[in-house]
Amino acid sequence: MSNNRMLSWFEKRRQSRTLNLAQNQIIKVFDTVTELDKATHLFLEDKSKAEKCIERLFVYEMEIDQLRRAIFIELTKGTLPSKYREDLKALVSRLDQLADHVKDAARSIKILIQAKSVVPQEFINIFSRMTTNLVECTALLRTSIEALGDDPPKAIQNARKVDEVEGRIDEGHLQAKISFISNSEKVNAPTFMVLKDLADSIEHAADMCADTADFLLILAAGED
């Protein structure tokens, strides 16, 4: 085996390992969103279980930070092209920011639980729909990333579906704001502040999903 062919062999495996780490990261991001969705649905039914979901979410978010660092370290090794390193850095940074927004949303729910805030069912219904749609968004991102190296057309197909789901979350965000006004007499000001943070964090997470999907379209086009 020539030196050039040997270098190519190692380079391909380095790329594969880095992409595997990125796939593990999106799995963890998906886990955080799933726990957020569970916590939202359990908020009125069983606050103790909801808090356990949030604690698991916090653990997953820490693991996402560790994966991000591992990927960055991996990208410093070998002789990968500069553009490849920058693309992977940009992808994992987006996933990390997505997890941060999910964690912010979970913190808001935790505050509401610990403060024993009274939250109307209408709000919980809206937030539950938003988080369920966020689960769908991250699932599409996950399948897109997993298909990136082997099936670029599939990666493109799933990435394009994110915009539609993100639009439903935007609609939920609007409905939440309308409900803030229509229920102004039922909820005190501090609770409204936390509810607004919750709505905004979910919406920010959805925006990051859409941004990541757009970036995946660019990466997939380069692989096709």
N, C-alpha and C. Protein backbone atom coordinates (compact mmCIF):
# COMPACT_ATOMS: atom_id res chain seq x y z
N MET A 1 0.85 -1.19 0.00
CA MET A 1 0.00 0.00 0.00
C MET A 1 0.89 1.24 0.00
N SER A 2 0.66 2.18 -0.94
CA SER A 2 1.47 3.38 -1.01
C SER A 2 1.16 4.29 0.16
N ASN A 3 2.10 5.24 0.42
CA ASN A 3 1.88 6.18 1.51
C ASN A 3 0.61 7.00 1.29
N ASN A 4 0.38 7.40 0.03
CA ASN A 4 -0.81 8.21 -0.26
C ASN A 4 -2.09 7.43 0.00
N ARG A 5 -2.09 6.15 -0.40
CA ARG A 5 -3.29 5.32 -0.17
C ARG A 5 -3.48 5.06 1.32
N MET A 6 -2.40 4.90 2.04
CA MET A 6 -2.50 4.67 3.48
C MET A 6 -3.07 5.92 4.17
N LEU A 7 -2.59 7.10 3.75
CA LEU A 7 -3.09 8.34 4.30
C LEU A 7 -4.58 8.47 4.04
N SER A 8 -5.00 8.12 2.84
CA SER A 8 -6.42 8.18 2.48
C SER A 8 -7.23 7.24 3.36
N TRP A 9 -6.69 6.04 3.62
CA TRP A 9 -7.39 5.06 4.45
C TRP A 9 -7.65 5.62 5.84
N PHE A 10 -6.59 6.19 6.47
CA PHE A 10 -6.74 6.76 7.80
C PHE A 10 -7.68 7.96 7.78
N GLU A 11 -7.58 8.78 6.73
CA GLU A 11 -8.39 9.98 6.65
C GLU A 11 -9.87 9.64 6.60
N LYS A 12 -10.22 8.61 5.82
CA LYS A 12 -11.62 8.21 5.73
C LYS A 12 -12.14 7.73 7.07
N ARG A 13 -11.30 7.01 7.81
CA ARG A 13 -11.74 6.51 9.11
C ARG A 13 -11.82 7.62 10.14
N ARG A 14 -10.94 8.61 10.00
CA ARG A 14 -11.04 9.76 10.89
C ARG A 14 -12.35 10.51 10.65
N GLN A 15 -12.72 10.66 9.39
CA GLN A 15 -13.98 11.32 9.05
C GLN A 15 -15.15 10.52 9.62
N SER A 16 -15.07 9.19 9.46
CA SER A 16 -16.13 8.33 9.95
C SER A 16 -16.28 8.45 11.46
N ARG A 17 -15.16 8.45 12.18
CA ARG A 17 -15.22 8.56 13.63
C ARG A 17 -15.82 9.89 14.05
N THR A 18 -15.41 10.96 13.38
CA THR A 18 -15.93 12.28 13.72
C THR A 18 -17.42 12.36 13.45
N LEU A 19 -17.85 11.81 12.32
CA LEU A 19 -19.28 11.83 12.01
C LEU A 19 -20.05 10.97 13.00
N ASN A 20 -19.46 9.86 13.44
CA ASN A 20 -20.11 9.03 14.45
C ASN A 20 -20.31 9.79 15.75
N LEU A 21 -19.31 10.58 16.13
CA LEU A 21 -19.44 11.40 17.33
C LEU A 21 -20.56 12.42 17.15
N ALA A 22 -20.65 13.00 15.97
CA ALA A 22 -21.73 13.96 15.69
C ALA A 22 -23.09 13.27 15.74
N GLN A 23 -23.15 12.02 15.23
CA GLN A 23 -24.40 11.27 15.30
C GLN A 23 -24.78 10.98 16.76
N ASN A 24 -23.79 10.66 17.58
CA ASN A 24 -24.06 10.44 19.01
C ASN A 24 -24.56 11.72 19.66
N GLN A 25 -24.02 12.84 19.21
CA GLN A 25 -24.46 14.12 19.77
C GLN A 25 -25.92 14.39 19.45
N ILE A 26 -26.34 14.17 18.21
CA ILE A 26 -27.73 14.42 17.85
C ILE A 26 -28.66 13.44 18.57
N ILE A 27 -28.18 12.21 18.84
CA ILE A 27 -28.99 11.27 19.62
C ILE A 27 -29.24 11.83 21.02
N LYS A 28 -28.19 12.40 21.62
CA LYS A 28 -28.33 13.00 22.95
C LYS A 28 -29.23 14.23 22.90
N VAL A 29 -29.11 15.02 21.84
CA VAL A 29 -29.99 16.17 21.69
C VAL A 29 -31.44 15.70 21.59
N PHE A 30 -31.66 14.64 20.81
CA PHE A 30 -33.00 14.08 20.69
C PHE A 30 -33.51 13.62 22.05
N ASP A 31 -32.62 13.03 22.85
CA ASP A 31 -33.01 12.59 24.20
C ASP A 31 -33.43 13.77 25.07
N THR A 32 -32.71 14.89 24.97
CA THR A 32 -33.08 16.05 25.79
C THR A 32 -34.45 16.57 25.39
N VAL A 33 -34.71 16.61 24.09
CA VAL A 33 -36.01 17.11 23.62
C VAL A 33 -37.13 16.17 24.05
N THR A 34 -36.86 14.87 23.99
CA THR A 34 -37.86 13.89 24.41
C THR A 34 -38.20 14.06 25.89
N GLU A 35 -37.18 14.27 26.72
CA GLU A 35 -37.42 14.48 28.15
C GLU A 35 -38.17 15.78 28.40
N LEU A 36 -37.88 16.82 27.63
CA LEU A 36 -38.61 18.08 27.75
C LEU A 36 -40.08 17.87 27.42
N ASP A 37 -40.34 17.11 26.36
CA ASP A 37 -41.72 16.83 25.96
C ASP A 37 -42.45 16.06 27.06
N LYS A 38 -41.78 15.07 27.64
CA LYS A 38 -42.39 14.30 28.73
C LYS A 38 -42.69 15.21 29.93
N ALA A 39 -41.74 16.05 30.28
CA ALA A 39 -41.91 16.94 31.43
C ALA A 39 -43.08 17.88 31.22
N THR A 40 -43.22 18.39 30.00
CA THR A 40 -44.32 19.31 29.69
C THR A 40 -45.67 18.61 29.84
N HIS A 41 -45.76 17.40 29.32
CA HIS A 41 -47.03 16.66 29.40
C HIS A 41 -47.35 16.22 30.84
N LEU A 42 -46.29 16.03 31.64
CA LEU A 42 -46.51 15.57 33.02
C LEU A 42 -46.70 16.71 34.01
N PHE A 43 -46.56 17.94 33.55
CA PHE A 43 -46.55 19.09 34.46
C PHE A 43 -47.77 19.12 35.38
N LEU A 44 -48.94 18.93 34.85
CA LEU A 44 -50.15 18.98 35.67
C LEU A 44 -50.48 17.63 36.29
N GLU A 45 -50.09 16.57 35.60
CA GLU A 45 -50.45 15.22 36.03
C GLU A 45 -49.58 14.71 37.18
N ASP A 46 -48.26 14.89 37.07
CA ASP A 46 -47.35 14.34 38.07
C ASP A 46 -46.05 15.16 38.06
N LYS A 47 -46.00 16.19 38.91
CA LYS A 47 -44.85 17.10 38.92
C LYS A 47 -43.56 16.40 39.35
N SER A 48 -43.67 15.39 40.18
CA SER A 48 -42.49 14.66 40.61
C SER A 48 -41.84 13.94 39.43
N LYS A 49 -42.64 13.29 38.62
CA LYS A 49 -42.11 12.62 37.43
C LYS A 49 -41.57 13.63 36.43
N ALA A 50 -42.23 14.77 36.34
CA ALA A 50 -41.77 15.82 35.44
C ALA A 50 -40.37 16.29 35.84
N GLU A 51 -40.15 16.45 37.15
CA GLU A 51 -38.83 16.88 37.62
C GLU A 51 -37.76 15.82 37.32
N LYS A 52 -38.11 14.55 37.41
CA LYS A 52 -37.16 13.49 37.09
C LYS A 52 -36.76 13.54 35.62
N CYS A 53 -37.73 13.86 34.77
CA CYS A 53 -37.43 14.02 33.34
C CYS A 53 -36.44 15.16 33.13
N ILE A 54 -36.64 16.23 33.87
CA ILE A 54 -35.77 17.40 33.76
C ILE A 54 -34.36 17.07 34.24
N GLU A 55 -34.25 16.31 35.31
CA GLU A 55 -32.93 15.93 35.81
C GLU A 55 -32.19 15.06 34.80
N ARG A 56 -32.90 14.15 34.15
CA ARG A 56 -32.27 13.34 33.10
C ARG A 56 -31.83 14.23 31.94
N LEU A 57 -32.66 15.19 31.63
CA LEU A 57 -32.33 16.14 30.55
C LEU A 57 -31.03 16.87 30.85
N PHE A 58 -30.86 17.31 32.10
CA PHE A 58 -29.64 18.03 32.48
C PHE A 58 -28.40 17.13 32.31
N VAL A 59 -28.54 15.85 32.63
CA VAL A 59 -27.43 14.91 32.46
C VAL A 59 -27.09 14.76 30.98
N TYR A 60 -28.12 14.61 30.14
CA TYR A 60 -27.88 14.48 28.70
C TYR A 60 -27.18 15.73 28.16
N GLU A 61 -27.59 16.88 28.65
CA GLU A 61 -26.99 18.13 28.15
C GLU A 61 -25.51 18.20 28.51
N MET A 62 -25.14 17.72 29.67
CA MET A 62 -23.73 17.66 30.05
C MET A 62 -22.96 16.71 29.13
N GLU A 63 -23.59 15.60 28.78
CA GLU A 63 -22.94 14.65 27.87
C GLU A 63 -22.76 15.26 26.48
N ILE A 64 -23.70 16.09 26.07
CA ILE A 64 -23.58 16.77 24.78
C ILE A 64 -22.37 17.70 24.78
N ASP A 65 -22.16 18.40 25.89
CA ASP A 65 -20.98 19.26 26.02
C ASP A 65 -19.70 18.43 25.90
N GLN A 66 -19.69 17.26 26.53
CA GLN A 66 -18.51 16.39 26.48
C GLN A 66 -18.27 15.89 25.06
N LEU A 67 -19.34 15.55 24.35
CA LEU A 67 -19.20 15.10 22.97
C LEU A 67 -18.67 16.22 22.08
N ARG A 68 -19.15 17.43 22.32
CA ARG A 68 -18.66 18.57 21.53
C ARG A 68 -17.15 18.72 21.69
N ARG A 69 -16.70 18.63 22.94
CA ARG A 69 -15.26 18.75 23.18
C ARG A 69 -14.48 17.60 22.53
N ALA A 70 -15.05 16.39 22.59
CA ALA A 70 -14.39 15.23 21.98
C ALA A 70 -14.27 15.40 20.47
N ILE A 71 -15.31 15.93 19.86
CA ILE A 71 -15.28 16.15 18.41
C ILE A 71 -14.23 17.19 18.05
N PHE A 72 -14.18 18.27 18.82
CA PHE A 72 -13.21 19.32 18.53
C PHE A 72 -11.78 18.79 18.67
N ILE A 73 -11.56 17.94 19.68
CA ILE A 73 -10.23 17.33 19.85
C ILE A 73 -9.93 16.42 18.67
N GLU A 74 -10.91 15.62 18.27
CA GLU A 74 -10.72 14.70 17.15
C GLU A 74 -10.38 15.44 15.86
N LEU A 75 -10.98 16.61 15.69
CA LEU A 75 -10.75 17.37 14.47
C LEU A 75 -9.36 17.99 14.40
N THR A 76 -8.67 18.03 15.54
CA THR A 76 -7.30 18.56 15.53
C THR A 76 -6.29 17.51 15.09
N LYS A 77 -6.73 16.25 14.99
CA LYS A 77 -5.82 15.16 14.64
C LYS A 77 -5.83 14.91 13.14
N GLY A 78 -4.78 14.31 12.65
CA GLY A 78 -4.74 13.92 11.25
C GLY A 78 -4.54 15.09 10.31
N THR A 79 -4.86 14.85 9.06
CA THR A 79 -4.62 15.85 8.02
C THR A 79 -5.90 16.17 7.27
N LEU A 80 -6.99 16.33 7.98
CA LEU A 80 -8.26 16.62 7.33
C LEU A 80 -8.23 17.99 6.67
N PRO A 81 -8.91 18.14 5.55
CA PRO A 81 -8.99 19.45 4.90
C PRO A 81 -9.63 20.48 5.83
N SER A 82 -9.17 21.72 5.71
CA SER A 82 -9.65 22.78 6.59
C SER A 82 -11.17 22.95 6.49
N LYS A 83 -11.72 22.88 5.28
CA LYS A 83 -13.16 23.07 5.10
C LYS A 83 -13.94 21.98 5.83
N TYR A 84 -13.45 20.75 5.79
CA TYR A 84 -14.14 19.65 6.48
C TYR A 84 -14.18 19.92 7.99
N ARG A 85 -13.04 20.35 8.54
CA ARG A 85 -12.99 20.63 9.98
C ARG A 85 -13.98 21.73 10.35
N GLU A 86 -14.00 22.78 9.55
CA GLU A 86 -14.88 23.91 9.85
C GLU A 86 -16.35 23.52 9.72
N ASP A 87 -16.68 22.68 8.74
CA ASP A 87 -18.06 22.24 8.57
C ASP A 87 -18.54 21.43 9.78
N LEU A 88 -17.68 20.52 10.24
CA LEU A 88 -18.06 19.70 11.40
C LEU A 88 -18.16 20.54 12.67
N LYS A 89 -17.25 21.47 12.83
CA LYS A 89 -17.31 22.37 13.98
C LYS A 89 -18.62 23.16 13.97
N ALA A 90 -19.00 23.64 12.80
CA ALA A 90 -20.23 24.42 12.68
C ALA A 90 -21.45 23.56 13.00
N LEU A 91 -21.43 22.31 12.56
CA LEU A 91 -22.56 21.42 12.83
C LEU A 91 -22.71 21.12 14.31
N VAL A 92 -21.62 20.71 14.96
CA VAL A 92 -21.72 20.35 16.37
C VAL A 92 -22.00 21.58 17.24
N SER A 93 -21.55 22.74 16.82
CA SER A 93 -21.86 23.96 17.57
C SER A 93 -23.34 24.26 17.51
N ARG A 94 -23.94 24.03 16.36
CA ARG A 94 -25.39 24.24 16.23
C ARG A 94 -26.16 23.26 17.13
N LEU A 95 -25.73 22.02 17.13
CA LEU A 95 -26.40 21.03 17.98
C LEU A 95 -26.26 21.38 19.45
N ASP A 96 -25.09 21.91 19.82
CA ASP A 96 -24.86 22.31 21.20
C ASP A 96 -25.78 23.47 21.59
N GLN A 97 -25.94 24.44 20.69
CA GLN A 97 -26.83 25.57 20.96
C GLN A 97 -28.28 25.11 21.06
N LEU A 98 -28.66 24.15 20.23
CA LEU A 98 -30.02 23.59 20.31
C LEU A 98 -30.27 23.00 21.68
N ALA A 99 -29.30 22.22 22.18
CA ALA A 99 -29.44 21.62 23.50
C ALA A 99 -29.50 22.68 24.60
N ASP A 100 -28.77 23.77 24.42
CA ASP A 100 -28.81 24.86 25.40
C ASP A 100 -30.21 25.46 25.50
N HIS A 101 -30.86 25.66 24.36
CA HIS A 101 -32.22 26.22 24.38
C HIS A 101 -33.20 25.24 25.04
N VAL A 102 -33.01 23.96 24.78
CA VAL A 102 -33.88 22.95 25.40
C VAL A 102 -33.68 22.96 26.92
N LYS A 103 -32.42 23.09 27.34
CA LYS A 103 -32.13 23.15 28.77
C LYS A 103 -32.77 24.39 29.40
N ASP A 104 -32.73 25.51 28.70
CA ASP A 104 -33.37 26.73 29.21
C ASP A 104 -34.87 26.52 29.39
N ALA A 105 -35.50 25.84 28.44
CA ALA A 105 -36.93 25.56 28.56
C ALA A 105 -37.20 24.67 29.77
N ALA A 106 -36.35 23.67 29.97
CA ALA A 106 -36.52 22.76 31.11
C ALA A 106 -36.36 23.51 32.43
N ARG A 107 -35.44 24.45 32.48
CA ARG A 107 -35.25 25.24 33.70
C ARG A 107 -36.52 26.02 34.03
N SER A 108 -37.17 26.54 33.01
CA SER A 108 -38.41 27.30 33.25
C SER A 108 -39.47 26.39 33.86
N ILE A 109 -39.59 25.16 33.35
CA ILE A 109 -40.57 24.23 33.91
C ILE A 109 -40.19 23.89 35.35
N LYS A 110 -38.91 23.70 35.60
CA LYS A 110 -38.45 23.39 36.95
C LYS A 110 -38.80 24.53 37.93
N ILE A 111 -38.61 25.75 37.47
CA ILE A 111 -38.95 26.91 38.30
C ILE A 111 -40.44 26.92 38.62
N LEU A 112 -41.27 26.69 37.61
CA LEU A 112 -42.72 26.68 37.81
C LEU A 112 -43.14 25.60 38.80
N ILE A 113 -42.49 24.45 38.72
CA ILE A 113 -42.81 23.36 39.65
C ILE A 113 -42.40 23.70 41.07
N GLN A 114 -41.17 24.15 41.22
CA GLN A 114 -40.65 24.42 42.57
C GLN A 114 -41.34 25.62 43.22
N ALA A 115 -41.78 26.57 42.39
CA ALA A 115 -42.50 27.73 42.93
C ALA A 115 -43.98 27.43 43.15
N LYS A 116 -44.40 26.22 42.78
CA LYS A 116 -45.80 25.80 42.91
C LYS A 116 -46.73 26.79 42.20
N SER A 117 -46.31 27.19 41.02
CA SER A 117 -47.09 28.16 40.24
C SER A 117 -48.37 27.54 39.70
N VAL A 118 -49.41 28.35 39.66
CA VAL A 118 -50.68 27.93 39.09
C VAL A 118 -50.66 28.28 37.60
N VAL A 119 -50.71 27.25 36.76
CA VAL A 119 -50.66 27.46 35.31
C VAL A 119 -51.92 26.88 34.68
N PRO A 120 -52.69 27.69 33.97
CA PRO A 120 -53.92 27.20 33.33
C PRO A 120 -53.65 26.07 32.34
N GLN A 121 -54.61 25.18 32.20
CA GLN A 121 -54.49 24.05 31.28
C GLN A 121 -54.22 24.53 29.85
N GLU A 122 -54.79 25.65 29.48
CA GLU A 122 -54.62 26.17 28.12
C GLU A 122 -53.14 26.34 27.76
N PHE A 123 -52.37 26.85 28.73
CA PHE A 123 -50.94 27.04 28.48
C PHE A 123 -50.23 25.70 28.29
N ILE A 124 -50.55 24.77 29.16
CA ILE A 124 -49.91 23.46 29.09
C ILE A 124 -50.22 22.77 27.77
N ASN A 125 -51.45 22.93 27.29
CA ASN A 125 -51.82 22.34 26.00
C ASN A 125 -50.98 22.91 24.86
N ILE A 126 -50.79 24.23 24.90
CA ILE A 126 -50.00 24.90 23.85
C ILE A 126 -48.55 24.45 23.91
N PHE A 127 -47.97 24.46 25.11
CA PHE A 127 -46.57 24.08 25.27
C PHE A 127 -46.35 22.60 24.92
N SER A 128 -47.32 21.77 25.25
CA SER A 128 -47.20 20.35 24.94
C SER A 128 -47.17 20.11 23.43
N ARG A 129 -48.01 20.84 22.71
CA ARG A 129 -47.99 20.73 21.24
C ARG A 129 -46.65 21.22 20.69
N MET A 130 -46.15 22.30 21.26
CA MET A 130 -44.86 22.85 20.79
C MET A 130 -43.72 21.86 21.01
N THR A 131 -43.66 21.24 22.18
CA THR A 131 -42.57 20.31 22.46
C THR A 131 -42.71 19.02 21.66
N THR A 132 -43.93 18.59 21.41
CA THR A 132 -44.14 17.40 20.58
C THR A 132 -43.64 17.67 19.16
N ASN A 133 -43.92 18.86 18.65
CA ASN A 133 -43.42 19.23 17.33
C ASN A 133 -41.89 19.35 17.34
N LEU A 134 -41.34 19.79 18.47
CA LEU A 134 -39.88 19.90 18.57
C LEU A 134 -39.23 18.52 18.53
N VAL A 135 -39.89 17.53 19.11
CA VAL A 135 -39.41 16.15 19.02
C VAL A 135 -39.35 15.72 17.56
N GLU A 136 -40.39 16.06 16.81
CA GLU A 136 -40.41 15.69 15.39
C GLU A 136 -39.28 16.40 14.63
N CYS A 137 -39.04 17.67 14.97
CA CYS A 137 -37.97 18.44 14.33
C CYS A 137 -36.61 17.77 14.53
N THR A 138 -36.31 17.43 15.77
CA THR A 138 -35.00 16.84 16.06
C THR A 138 -34.88 15.43 15.50
N ALA A 139 -35.99 14.71 15.41
CA ALA A 139 -35.97 13.38 14.79
C ALA A 139 -35.60 13.49 13.31
N LEU A 140 -36.12 14.51 12.65
CA LEU A 140 -35.78 14.73 11.24
C LEU A 140 -34.31 15.10 11.09
N LEU A 141 -33.80 15.93 12.00
CA LEU A 141 -32.38 16.27 11.98
C LEU A 141 -31.53 15.03 12.17
N ARG A 142 -31.95 14.19 13.10
CA ARG A 142 -31.18 12.98 13.40
C ARG A 142 -31.07 12.08 12.17
N THR A 143 -32.20 11.83 11.51
CA THR A 143 -32.16 10.96 10.34
C THR A 143 -31.38 11.61 9.19
N SER A 144 -31.42 12.93 9.12
CA SER A 144 -30.67 13.64 8.09
C SER A 144 -29.17 13.50 8.30
N ILE A 145 -28.73 13.66 9.55
CA ILE A 145 -27.30 13.52 9.87
C ILE A 145 -26.84 12.09 9.63
N GLU A 146 -27.65 11.13 10.04
CA GLU A 146 -27.28 9.72 9.88
C GLU A 146 -27.16 9.33 8.41
N ALA A 147 -27.93 10.02 7.55
CA ALA A 147 -27.89 9.70 6.12
C ALA A 147 -26.86 10.53 5.37
N LEU A 148 -26.24 11.47 6.04
CA LEU A 148 -25.37 12.44 5.37
C LEU A 148 -24.25 11.79 4.57
N GLY A 149 -23.58 10.80 5.19
CA GLY A 149 -22.44 10.18 4.51
C GLY A 149 -22.83 9.13 3.49
N ASP A 150 -23.94 8.41 3.71
CA ASP A 150 -24.29 7.26 2.86
C ASP A 150 -25.41 7.54 1.87
N ASP A 151 -26.32 8.46 2.22
CA ASP A 151 -27.49 8.69 1.37
C ASP A 151 -27.84 10.18 1.36
N PRO A 152 -27.05 11.02 0.67
CA PRO A 152 -27.30 12.47 0.64
C PRO A 152 -28.73 12.85 0.23
N PRO A 153 -29.35 12.19 -0.76
CA PRO A 153 -30.73 12.56 -1.10
C PRO A 153 -31.70 12.40 0.08
N LYS A 154 -31.50 11.33 0.86
CA LYS A 154 -32.34 11.14 2.05
C LYS A 154 -32.07 12.23 3.07
N ALA A 155 -30.80 12.60 3.22
CA ALA A 155 -30.45 13.68 4.15
C ALA A 155 -31.13 14.97 3.75
N ILE A 156 -31.15 15.26 2.46
CA ILE A 156 -31.79 16.47 1.95
C ILE A 156 -33.30 16.41 2.17
N GLN A 157 -33.90 15.27 1.90
CA GLN A 157 -35.34 15.10 2.05
C GLN A 157 -35.79 15.38 3.48
N ASN A 158 -35.08 14.83 4.45
CA ASN A 158 -35.46 15.01 5.85
C ASN A 158 -35.17 16.42 6.34
N ALA A 159 -34.07 17.00 5.88
CA ALA A 159 -33.73 18.36 6.29
C ALA A 159 -34.79 19.35 5.80
N ARG A 160 -35.32 19.12 4.60
CA ARG A 160 -36.32 20.03 4.05
C ARG A 160 -37.65 19.95 4.80
N LYS A 161 -37.91 18.83 5.44
CA LYS A 161 -39.17 18.69 6.19
C LYS A 161 -39.17 19.50 7.49
N VAL A 162 -37.98 19.89 7.95
CA VAL A 162 -37.87 20.59 9.23
C VAL A 162 -38.61 21.92 9.20
N ASP A 163 -38.53 22.63 8.07
CA ASP A 163 -39.16 23.95 7.97
C ASP A 163 -40.66 23.88 8.25
N GLU A 164 -41.31 22.84 7.73
CA GLU A 164 -42.76 22.69 7.92
C GLU A 164 -43.09 22.52 9.40
N VAL A 165 -42.33 21.68 10.08
CA VAL A 165 -42.59 21.44 11.51
C VAL A 165 -42.24 22.68 12.33
N GLU A 166 -41.14 23.35 11.95
CA GLU A 166 -40.74 24.57 12.66
C GLU A 166 -41.83 25.63 12.54
N GLY A 167 -42.53 25.66 11.41
CA GLY A 167 -43.63 26.59 11.22
C GLY A 167 -44.77 26.35 12.21
N ARG A 168 -45.01 25.08 12.53
CA ARG A 168 -46.06 24.76 13.51
C ARG A 168 -45.67 25.24 14.91
N ILE A 169 -44.38 25.16 15.21
CA ILE A 169 -43.91 25.64 16.51
C ILE A 169 -44.02 27.15 16.59
N ASP A 170 -43.72 27.84 15.50
CA ASP A 170 -43.89 29.29 15.45
C ASP A 170 -45.35 29.68 15.70
N GLU A 171 -46.26 28.90 15.13
CA GLU A 171 -47.69 29.15 15.33
C GLU A 171 -48.05 28.96 16.81
N GLY A 172 -47.48 27.92 17.43
CA GLY A 172 -47.72 27.71 18.86
C GLY A 172 -47.18 28.85 19.70
N HIS A 173 -46.05 29.39 19.30
CA HIS A 173 -45.47 30.53 20.00
C HIS A 173 -46.40 31.73 19.94
N LEU A 174 -47.00 31.95 18.77
CA LEU A 174 -47.97 33.03 18.61
C LEU A 174 -49.20 32.80 19.48
N GLN A 175 -49.69 31.57 19.49
CA GLN A 175 -50.86 31.24 20.31
C GLN A 175 -50.57 31.46 21.80
N ALA A 176 -49.34 31.15 22.21
CA ALA A 176 -48.97 31.36 23.61
C ALA A 176 -49.05 32.84 23.97
N LYS A 177 -48.56 33.69 23.09
CA LYS A 177 -48.60 35.13 23.35
C LYS A 177 -50.03 35.65 23.44
N ILE A 178 -50.89 35.13 22.56
CA ILE A 178 -52.30 35.52 22.61
C ILE A 178 -52.92 35.08 23.93
N SER A 179 -52.55 33.87 24.37
CA SER A 179 -53.09 33.35 25.63
C SER A 179 -52.59 34.15 26.83
N PHE A 180 -51.38 34.68 26.73
CA PHE A 180 -50.88 35.52 27.82
C PHE A 180 -51.82 36.69 28.07
N ILE A 181 -52.35 37.25 26.99
CA ILE A 181 -53.26 38.39 27.11
C ILE A 181 -54.64 37.94 27.58
N SER A 182 -55.18 36.89 26.97
CA SER A 182 -56.54 36.46 27.30
C SER A 182 -56.64 35.86 28.70
N ASN A 183 -55.50 35.43 29.27
CA ASN A 183 -55.51 34.84 30.62
C ASN A 183 -54.78 35.73 31.64
N SER A 184 -54.69 37.00 31.33
CA SER A 184 -53.91 37.91 32.17
C SER A 184 -54.42 38.00 33.61
N GLU A 185 -55.68 37.72 33.81
CA GLU A 185 -56.25 37.83 35.16
C GLU A 185 -56.09 36.54 35.96
N LYS A 186 -55.68 35.46 35.29
CA LYS A 186 -55.58 34.16 35.96
C LYS A 186 -54.17 33.85 36.46
N VAL A 187 -53.18 34.57 35.96
CA VAL A 187 -51.79 34.25 36.27
C VAL A 187 -51.08 35.51 36.76
N ASN A 188 -50.26 35.36 37.82
CA ASN A 188 -49.55 36.53 38.33
C ASN A 188 -48.35 36.88 37.45
N ALA A 189 -47.83 38.08 37.64
CA ALA A 189 -46.77 38.60 36.77
C ALA A 189 -45.50 37.74 36.77
N PRO A 190 -44.99 37.31 37.94
CA PRO A 190 -43.77 36.49 37.93
C PRO A 190 -43.95 35.18 37.14
N THR A 191 -45.13 34.57 37.28
CA THR A 191 -45.40 33.33 36.54
C THR A 191 -45.42 33.60 35.04
N PHE A 192 -46.02 34.73 34.65
CA PHE A 192 -46.03 35.11 33.24
C PHE A 192 -44.62 35.25 32.69
N MET A 193 -43.72 35.82 33.49
CA MET A 193 -42.34 36.00 33.05
C MET A 193 -41.69 34.66 32.74
N VAL A 194 -41.92 33.68 33.61
CA VAL A 194 -41.32 32.36 33.41
C VAL A 194 -41.98 31.65 32.23
N LEU A 195 -43.29 31.79 32.10
CA LEU A 195 -43.99 31.18 30.97
C LEU A 195 -43.50 31.76 29.64
N LYS A 196 -43.24 33.07 29.64
CA LYS A 196 -42.71 33.70 28.42
C LYS A 196 -41.33 33.14 28.09
N ASP A 197 -40.49 32.98 29.13
CA ASP A 197 -39.16 32.39 28.91
C ASP A 197 -39.29 30.98 28.34
N LEU A 198 -40.25 30.23 28.85
CA LEU A 198 -40.47 28.87 28.37
C LEU A 198 -40.86 28.87 26.89
N ALA A 199 -41.83 29.71 26.55
CA ALA A 199 -42.28 29.79 25.16
C ALA A 199 -41.14 30.22 24.24
N ASP A 200 -40.37 31.22 24.68
CA ASP A 200 -39.28 31.73 23.86
C ASP A 200 -38.18 30.68 23.68
N SER A 201 -37.88 29.93 24.73
CA SER A 201 -36.82 28.91 24.64
C SER A 201 -37.20 27.80 23.67
N ILE A 202 -38.45 27.38 23.70
CA ILE A 202 -38.90 26.36 22.75
C ILE A 202 -38.83 26.89 21.33
N GLU A 203 -39.23 28.15 21.16
CA GLU A 203 -39.20 28.76 19.83
C GLU A 203 -37.76 28.93 19.34
N HIS A 204 -36.85 29.30 20.25
CA HIS A 204 -35.44 29.43 19.88
C HIS A 204 -34.85 28.07 19.47
N ALA A 205 -35.26 27.03 20.18
CA ALA A 205 -34.80 25.68 19.84
C ALA A 205 -35.28 25.29 18.44
N ALA A 206 -36.53 25.65 18.14
CA ALA A 206 -37.07 25.36 16.80
C ALA A 206 -36.32 26.13 15.73
N ASP A 207 -36.00 27.39 16.00
CA ASP A 207 -35.22 28.18 15.05
C ASP A 207 -33.85 27.55 14.80
N MET A 208 -33.23 27.02 15.87
CA MET A 208 -31.92 26.39 15.71
C MET A 208 -32.05 25.09 14.90
N CYS A 209 -33.18 24.39 15.07
CA CYS A 209 -33.44 23.21 14.23
C CYS A 209 -33.46 23.61 12.76
N ALA A 210 -34.18 24.68 12.45
CA ALA A 210 -34.29 25.13 11.07
C ALA A 210 -32.93 25.57 10.53
N ASP A 211 -32.16 26.27 11.36
CA ASP A 211 -30.83 26.71 10.95
C ASP A 211 -29.92 25.51 10.68
N THR A 212 -29.99 24.52 11.55
CA THR A 212 -29.18 23.31 11.38
C THR A 212 -29.60 22.55 10.12
N ALA A 213 -30.90 22.50 9.88
CA ALA A 213 -31.40 21.82 8.67
C ALA A 213 -30.88 22.51 7.41
N ASP A 214 -30.87 23.84 7.41
CA ASP A 214 -30.33 24.57 6.26
C ASP A 214 -28.86 24.24 6.05
N PHE A 215 -28.13 24.13 7.15
CA PHE A 215 -26.70 23.81 7.06
C PHE A 215 -26.50 22.39 6.53
N LEU A 216 -27.37 21.46 6.96
CA LEU A 216 -27.29 20.09 6.47
C LEU A 216 -27.55 20.01 4.97
N LEU A 217 -28.43 20.87 4.48
CA LEU A 217 -28.69 20.91 3.04
C LEU A 217 -27.42 21.27 2.28
N ILE A 218 -26.66 22.20 2.83
CA ILE A 218 -25.41 22.60 2.20
C ILE A 218 -24.41 21.45 2.22
N LEU A 219 -24.29 20.78 3.38
CA LEU A 219 -23.35 19.66 3.49
C LEU A 219 -23.76 18.51 2.57
N ALA A 220 -25.05 18.21 2.54
CA ALA A 220 -25.54 17.11 1.71
C ALA A 220 -25.32 17.39 0.23
N ALA A 221 -25.50 18.64 -0.17
CA ALA A 221 -25.27 19.01 -1.57
C ALA A 221 -23.81 18.78 -1.95
N GLY A 222 -22.91 18.99 -1.00
CA GLY A 222 -21.49 18.76 -1.26
C GLY A 222 -21.15 17.29 -1.33
N GLU A 223 -21.96 16.44 -0.67
CA GLU A 223 -21.70 14.99 -0.69
C GLU A 223 -22.31 14.31 -1.91
N ASP A 224 -23.34 14.95 -2.47
CA ASP A 224 -24.09 14.30 -3.56
C ASP A 224 -23.27 14.25 -4.85
